[in-house]
Amino acid sequence: MKKRIASIQRTTKETDIAVKLNLDGGGGGAIATGLPFLNHMLELLAKHSLLDLTIRARGDLAVDYHHTVEDLGLALGSALNHALGDRRGIGRYGWCLLPMDETLSRVALDLGGRPYLVLRMACRKKKILDFDLGLLADFFRAFTTEARMNLHIHQLYGREPHHAWESVFKGVARALRQAVALDPRVKGVPSSKGRI
């Protein structure tokens, strides 16, 4: 079987990002974005999805975090799309109900080729240290667009922002793990249209 791996390099005047992704990994890798909170969230994504993920990002962080965060979403989504290829034999759908202490998040996704994001957060806190949590909406929007994925995230309740976003990233990870998994019963592309 063809290896389901991808390496993406995204370089602009604002960012320089390299992503390596292996869909059939063990959850390992190394994350270096220059943003400690985002590093932590992406490490959780790799660990709980069992995707091997290596990310190196340099951006104009002295100006703003937005360019780096959004471009990371674009690069990671592109890597996922390339690693999936024609998406033959995958489960396609994934979902998770993820508790994190006082927080509960629900995630559902479809790797069916049509990008769409619904993101609803109960926790309204705006920052963790100097990291603007609103940027994570831009990250997920870019990620879903480039991955050609339909992603619904609903953080149902929870007061602590770290727990809120940790439950979201872990929930996305578990849903991805399910959706990218190969199912020997799936013959060809998992769509009645015959292609995704």
C-alpha atoms as a PDB file:
ATOM      1  CA  MET A   1       0.000   0.000   0.000  1.00  0.00           C
ATOM      2  CA  LYS A   2       1.153   3.508  -0.802  1.00  0.00           C
ATOM      3  CA  LYS A   3       2.466   5.417   2.214  1.00  0.00           C
ATOM      4  CA  ARG A   4       0.067   8.096   3.403  1.00  0.00           C
ATOM      5  CA  ILE A   5       2.576  10.838   4.111  1.00  0.00           C
ATOM      6  CA  ALA A   6       3.015  14.443   3.040  1.00  0.00           C
ATOM      7  CA  SER A   7       5.604  17.189   3.368  1.00  0.00           C
ATOM      8  CA  ILE A   8       4.462  20.770   2.836  1.00  0.00           C
ATOM      9  CA  GLN A   9       6.569  23.923   2.711  1.00  0.00           C
ATOM     10  CA  ARG A  10       4.724  27.249   2.867  1.00  0.00           C
ATOM     11  CA  THR A  11       6.887  30.351   2.552  1.00  0.00           C
ATOM     12  CA  THR A  12       5.613  33.920   2.325  1.00  0.00           C
ATOM     13  CA  LYS A  13       7.028  37.318   3.261  1.00  0.00           C
ATOM     14  CA  GLU A  14       5.400  36.814   6.674  1.00  0.00           C
ATOM     15  CA  THR A  15       5.967  33.138   7.481  1.00  0.00           C
ATOM     16  CA  ASP A  16       8.124  30.120   6.694  1.00  0.00           C
ATOM     17  CA  ILE A  17       6.423  26.853   7.646  1.00  0.00           C
ATOM     18  CA  ALA A  18       7.355  23.208   7.095  1.00  0.00           C
ATOM     19  CA  VAL A  19       4.930  20.387   7.939  1.00  0.00           C
ATOM     20  CA  LYS A  20       5.549  16.634   7.736  1.00  0.00           C
ATOM     21  CA  LEU A  21       2.571  14.362   8.333  1.00  0.00           C
ATOM     22  CA  ASN A  22       2.224  10.570   8.455  1.00  0.00           C
ATOM     23  CA  LEU A  23      -1.358   9.312   8.737  1.00  0.00           C
ATOM     24  CA  ASP A  24      -0.189   5.865   9.843  1.00  0.00           C
ATOM     25  CA  GLY A  25       2.100   6.971  12.641  1.00  0.00           C
ATOM     26  CA  GLY A  26       2.050   6.595  16.388  1.00  0.00           C
ATOM     27  CA  GLY A  27       1.414  10.153  17.537  1.00  0.00           C
ATOM     28  CA  GLY A  28       5.020  11.305  17.564  1.00  0.00           C
ATOM     29  CA  GLY A  29       6.864  14.259  16.150  1.00  0.00           C
ATOM     30  CA  ALA A  30       8.174  17.653  17.098  1.00  0.00           C
ATOM     31  CA  ILE A  31       6.359  20.979  17.117  1.00  0.00           C
ATOM     32  CA  ALA A  32       8.125  24.371  17.069  1.00  0.00           C
ATOM     33  CA  THR A  33       5.931  27.342  16.166  1.00  0.00           C
ATOM     34  CA  GLY A  34       7.354  30.060  18.408  1.00  0.00           C
ATOM     35  CA  LEU A  35       4.016  30.063  20.252  1.00  0.00           C
ATOM     36  CA  PRO A  36       4.158  27.811  23.351  1.00  0.00           C
ATOM     37  CA  PHE A  37       0.384  27.450  23.801  1.00  0.00           C
ATOM     38  CA  LEU A  38      -0.099  26.512  20.142  1.00  0.00           C
ATOM     39  CA  ASN A  39       2.830  24.074  20.363  1.00  0.00           C
ATOM     40  CA  HIS A  40       1.034  22.375  23.243  1.00  0.00           C
ATOM     41  CA  MET A  41      -2.277  22.154  21.371  1.00  0.00           C
ATOM     42  CA  LEU A  42      -0.618  20.714  18.234  1.00  0.00           C
ATOM     43  CA  GLU A  43       1.332  18.195  20.325  1.00  0.00           C
ATOM     44  CA  LEU A  44      -2.010  17.044  21.764  1.00  0.00           C
ATOM     45  CA  LEU A  45      -3.452  16.826  18.253  1.00  0.00           C
ATOM     46  CA  ALA A  46      -0.607  14.543  17.142  1.00  0.00           C
ATOM     47  CA  LYS A  47      -0.616  12.400  20.287  1.00  0.00           C
ATOM     48  CA  HIS A  48      -4.353  11.695  20.344  1.00  0.00           C
ATOM     49  CA  SER A  49      -4.826  11.294  16.582  1.00  0.00           C
ATOM     50  CA  LEU A  50      -1.849   8.900  16.282  1.00  0.00           C
ATOM     51  CA  LEU A  51      -0.628  11.017  13.380  1.00  0.00           C
ATOM     52  CA  ASP A  52       3.118  11.598  13.258  1.00  0.00           C
ATOM     53  CA  LEU A  53       3.474  15.347  12.954  1.00  0.00           C
ATOM     54  CA  THR A  54       6.537  17.530  12.617  1.00  0.00           C
ATOM     55  CA  ILE A  55       6.074  21.291  12.344  1.00  0.00           C
ATOM     56  CA  ARG A  56       8.669  24.024  12.122  1.00  0.00           C
ATOM     57  CA  ALA A  57       7.347  27.555  11.800  1.00  0.00           C
ATOM     58  CA  ARG A  58       8.968  30.964  11.747  1.00  0.00           C
ATOM     59  CA  GLY A  59       6.780  34.015  11.458  1.00  0.00           C
ATOM     60  CA  ASP A  60       6.618  37.723  12.054  1.00  0.00           C
ATOM     61  CA  LEU A  61       5.589  37.215  15.690  1.00  0.00           C
ATOM     62  CA  ALA A  62       6.908  40.640  16.653  1.00  0.00           C
ATOM     63  CA  VAL A  63       4.222  42.137  14.397  1.00  0.00           C
ATOM     64  CA  ASP A  64       1.318  39.830  15.265  1.00  0.00           C
ATOM     65  CA  TYR A  65       0.571  36.143  15.847  1.00  0.00           C
ATOM     66  CA  HIS A  66      -2.183  36.045  13.210  1.00  0.00           C
ATOM     67  CA  HIS A  67      -0.046  35.322  10.127  1.00  0.00           C
ATOM     68  CA  THR A  68       1.716  32.387  11.804  1.00  0.00           C
ATOM     69  CA  VAL A  69      -1.437  30.851  13.280  1.00  0.00           C
ATOM     70  CA  GLU A  70      -3.483  31.092  10.082  1.00  0.00           C
ATOM     71  CA  ASP A  71      -0.631  29.903   7.842  1.00  0.00           C
ATOM     72  CA  LEU A  72      -0.083  26.926  10.157  1.00  0.00           C
ATOM     73  CA  GLY A  73      -3.720  25.993   9.595  1.00  0.00           C
ATOM     74  CA  LEU A  74      -3.271  26.288   5.836  1.00  0.00           C
ATOM     75  CA  ALA A  75      -0.089  24.199   5.807  1.00  0.00           C
ATOM     76  CA  LEU A  76      -1.455  21.495   8.117  1.00  0.00           C
ATOM     77  CA  GLY A  77      -4.683  21.254   6.125  1.00  0.00           C
ATOM     78  CA  SER A  78      -2.734  20.987   2.875  1.00  0.00           C
ATOM     79  CA  ALA A  79      -0.573  18.227   4.373  1.00  0.00           C
ATOM     80  CA  LEU A  80      -3.660  16.290   5.461  1.00  0.00           C
ATOM     81  CA  ASN A  81      -5.252  16.660   2.022  1.00  0.00           C
ATOM     82  CA  HIS A  82      -2.087  15.468   0.244  1.00  0.00           C
ATOM     83  CA  ALA A  83      -1.545  12.538   2.617  1.00  0.00           C
ATOM     84  CA  LEU A  84      -5.137  11.367   2.093  1.00  0.00           C
ATOM     85  CA  GLY A  85      -4.683  11.281  -1.690  1.00  0.00           C
ATOM     86  CA  ASP A  86      -7.962  10.197  -3.328  1.00  0.00           C
ATOM     87  CA  ARG A  87      -9.224   9.127   0.142  1.00  0.00           C
ATOM     88  CA  ARG A  88      -9.713   5.558  -0.996  1.00  0.00           C
ATOM     89  CA  GLY A  89     -10.551   3.096   1.795  1.00  0.00           C
ATOM     90  CA  ILE A  90     -10.884   5.591   4.668  1.00  0.00           C
ATOM     91  CA  GLY A  91     -13.654   5.679   7.252  1.00  0.00           C
ATOM     92  CA  ARG A  92     -14.328   9.279   6.151  1.00  0.00           C
ATOM     93  CA  TYR A  93     -16.390  10.285   9.212  1.00  0.00           C
ATOM     94  CA  GLY A  94     -15.220  10.801  12.767  1.00  0.00           C
ATOM     95  CA  TRP A  95     -16.702  12.081  15.995  1.00  0.00           C
ATOM     96  CA  CYS A  96     -15.825  12.457  19.632  1.00  0.00           C
ATOM     97  CA  LEU A  97     -17.309  13.633  22.909  1.00  0.00           C
ATOM     98  CA  LEU A  98     -14.275  14.751  24.915  1.00  0.00           C
ATOM     99  CA  PRO A  99     -14.249  15.651  28.635  1.00  0.00           C
ATOM    100  CA  MET A 100     -11.425  17.676  30.159  1.00  0.00           C
ATOM    101  CA  ASP A 101     -12.063  18.231  33.853  1.00  0.00           C
ATOM    102  CA  GLU A 102     -15.032  20.672  34.028  1.00  0.00           C
ATOM    103  CA  THR A 103     -15.168  21.034  30.228  1.00  0.00           C
ATOM    104  CA  LEU A 104     -16.977  18.985  27.584  1.00  0.00           C
ATOM    105  CA  SER A 105     -16.560  19.338  23.811  1.00  0.00           C
ATOM    106  CA  ARG A 106     -18.309  17.627  20.930  1.00  0.00           C
ATOM    107  CA  VAL A 107     -16.550  17.246  17.565  1.00  0.00           C
ATOM    108  CA  ALA A 108     -17.795  15.716  14.321  1.00  0.00           C
ATOM    109  CA  LEU A 109     -16.067  15.760  10.949  1.00  0.00           C
ATOM    110  CA  ASP A 110     -16.388  14.535   7.395  1.00  0.00           C
ATOM    111  CA  LEU A 111     -13.425  14.138   5.041  1.00  0.00           C
ATOM    112  CA  GLY A 112     -15.862  14.206   2.126  1.00  0.00           C
ATOM    113  CA  GLY A 113     -14.177  17.027   0.209  1.00  0.00           C
ATOM    114  CA  ARG A 114     -16.483  19.936   1.017  1.00  0.00           C
ATOM    115  CA  PRO A 115     -14.894  22.405   3.453  1.00  0.00           C
ATOM    116  CA  TYR A 116     -17.073  23.944   6.115  1.00  0.00           C
ATOM    117  CA  LEU A 117     -16.413  24.990   9.698  1.00  0.00           C
ATOM    118  CA  VAL A 118     -18.850  25.438  12.561  1.00  0.00           C
ATOM    119  CA  LEU A 119     -17.110  26.532  15.779  1.00  0.00           C
ATOM    120  CA  ARG A 120     -19.042  27.310  18.963  1.00  0.00           C
ATOM    121  CA  MET A 121     -17.215  27.898  22.221  1.00  0.00           C
ATOM    122  CA  ALA A 122     -18.994  28.164  25.571  1.00  0.00           C
ATOM    123  CA  CYS A 123     -15.852  29.501  27.244  1.00  0.00           C
ATOM    124  CA  ARG A 124     -15.605  33.196  26.364  1.00  0.00           C
ATOM    125  CA  LYS A 125     -12.168  33.955  27.811  1.00  0.00           C
ATOM    126  CA  LYS A 126     -10.121  35.908  25.272  1.00  0.00           C
ATOM    127  CA  LYS A 127      -6.494  35.133  26.156  1.00  0.00           C
ATOM    128  CA  ILE A 128      -4.092  32.659  27.667  1.00  0.00           C
ATOM    129  CA  LEU A 129      -1.062  34.706  28.685  1.00  0.00           C
ATOM    130  CA  ASP A 130      -0.486  36.858  25.569  1.00  0.00           C
ATOM    131  CA  PHE A 131      -2.044  34.359  23.129  1.00  0.00           C
ATOM    132  CA  ASP A 132      -5.292  35.643  21.585  1.00  0.00           C
ATOM    133  CA  LEU A 133      -7.642  32.641  21.617  1.00  0.00           C
ATOM    134  CA  GLY A 134      -9.715  34.182  18.823  1.00  0.00           C
ATOM    135  CA  LEU A 135      -6.881  33.246  16.454  1.00  0.00           C
ATOM    136  CA  LEU A 136      -7.801  29.581  16.855  1.00  0.00           C
ATOM    137  CA  ALA A 137     -10.965  30.197  14.822  1.00  0.00           C
ATOM    138  CA  ASP A 138      -8.704  31.409  11.989  1.00  0.00           C
ATOM    139  CA  PHE A 139      -6.506  28.327  12.429  1.00  0.00           C
ATOM    140  CA  PHE A 140      -9.448  25.927  12.181  1.00  0.00           C
ATOM    141  CA  ARG A 141     -11.012  27.812   9.244  1.00  0.00           C
ATOM    142  CA  ALA A 142      -7.755  27.595   7.283  1.00  0.00           C
ATOM    143  CA  PHE A 143      -7.252  23.955   8.313  1.00  0.00           C
ATOM    144  CA  THR A 144     -10.721  22.837   7.204  1.00  0.00           C
ATOM    145  CA  THR A 145     -10.492  24.716   3.897  1.00  0.00           C
ATOM    146  CA  GLU A 146      -7.158  23.231   2.827  1.00  0.00           C
ATOM    147  CA  ALA A 147      -7.988  19.754   4.169  1.00  0.00           C
ATOM    148  CA  ARG A 148     -11.303  19.800   2.265  1.00  0.00           C
ATOM    149  CA  MET A 149     -13.007  18.800   5.495  1.00  0.00           C
ATOM    150  CA  ASN A 150     -16.358  19.538   7.094  1.00  0.00           C
ATOM    151  CA  LEU A 151     -15.660  20.202  10.796  1.00  0.00           C
ATOM    152  CA  HIS A 152     -18.166  20.911  13.549  1.00  0.00           C
ATOM    153  CA  ILE A 153     -16.801  21.863  16.970  1.00  0.00           C
ATOM    154  CA  HIS A 154     -19.087  22.603  19.897  1.00  0.00           C
ATOM    155  CA  GLN A 155     -17.513  23.225  23.273  1.00  0.00           C
ATOM    156  CA  LEU A 156     -20.613  22.607  25.372  1.00  0.00           C
ATOM    157  CA  TYR A 157     -19.494  23.968  28.725  1.00  0.00           C
ATOM    158  CA  GLY A 158     -16.431  24.753  30.777  1.00  0.00           C
ATOM    159  CA  ARG A 159     -14.991  27.837  32.461  1.00  0.00           C
ATOM    160  CA  GLU A 160     -11.213  27.369  32.222  1.00  0.00           C
ATOM    161  CA  PRO A 161      -9.882  28.390  28.766  1.00  0.00           C
ATOM    162  CA  HIS A 162      -6.931  25.990  28.701  1.00  0.00           C
ATOM    163  CA  HIS A 163      -9.257  23.071  29.417  1.00  0.00           C
ATOM    164  CA  ALA A 164     -11.784  24.369  26.884  1.00  0.00           C
ATOM    165  CA  TRP A 165      -9.300  24.444  24.014  1.00  0.00           C
ATOM    166  CA  GLU A 166      -7.517  21.288  25.125  1.00  0.00           C
ATOM    167  CA  SER A 167     -10.809  19.403  24.946  1.00  0.00           C
ATOM    168  CA  VAL A 168     -11.370  20.817  21.445  1.00  0.00           C
ATOM    169  CA  PHE A 169      -7.938  19.817  20.105  1.00  0.00           C
ATOM    170  CA  LYS A 170      -8.140  16.362  21.676  1.00  0.00           C
ATOM    171  CA  GLY A 171     -11.668  15.940  20.306  1.00  0.00           C
ATOM    172  CA  VAL A 172     -10.547  16.909  16.797  1.00  0.00           C
ATOM    173  CA  ALA A 173      -7.635  14.489  17.165  1.00  0.00           C
ATOM    174  CA  ARG A 174      -9.849  11.548  18.141  1.00  0.00           C
ATOM    175  CA  ALA A 175     -12.328  12.319  15.356  1.00  0.00           C
ATOM    176  CA  LEU A 176      -9.487  12.550  12.809  1.00  0.00           C
ATOM    177  CA  ARG A 177      -8.051   9.265  14.055  1.00  0.00           C
ATOM    178  CA  GLN A 178     -11.380   7.602  13.283  1.00  0.00           C
ATOM    179  CA  ALA A 179     -11.942   9.321   9.925  1.00  0.00           C
ATOM    180  CA  VAL A 180      -8.496   8.688   8.388  1.00  0.00           C
ATOM    181  CA  ALA A 181      -8.390   5.049   9.513  1.00  0.00           C
ATOM    182  CA  LEU A 182      -8.401   2.521   6.709  1.00  0.00           C
ATOM    183  CA  ASP A 183     -11.318   0.085   6.690  1.00  0.00           C
ATOM    184  CA  PRO A 184     -10.734  -3.105   4.662  1.00  0.00           C
ATOM    185  CA  ARG A 185     -14.475  -3.319   3.973  1.00  0.00           C
ATOM    186  CA  VAL A 186     -14.468   0.019   2.136  1.00  0.00           C
ATOM    187  CA  LYS A 187     -13.914  -0.676  -1.534  1.00  0.00           C
ATOM    188  CA  GLY A 188     -12.672   2.401  -3.342  1.00  0.00           C
ATOM    189  CA  VAL A 189     -13.759   5.872  -2.323  1.00  0.00           C
ATOM    190  CA  PRO A 190     -16.339   6.116   0.509  1.00  0.00           C
ATOM    191  CA  SER A 191     -18.900   8.078  -1.516  1.00  0.00           C
ATOM    192  CA  SER A 192     -21.938   7.109  -3.580  1.00  0.00           C
ATOM    193  CA  LYS A 193     -20.667   9.606  -6.181  1.00  0.00           C
ATOM    194  CA  GLY A 194     -17.600   7.455  -6.877  1.00  0.00           C
ATOM    195  CA  ARG A 195     -15.172  10.230  -6.009  1.00  0.00           C
ATOM    196  CA  ILE A 196     -14.486  12.816  -3.317  1.00  0.00           C
END
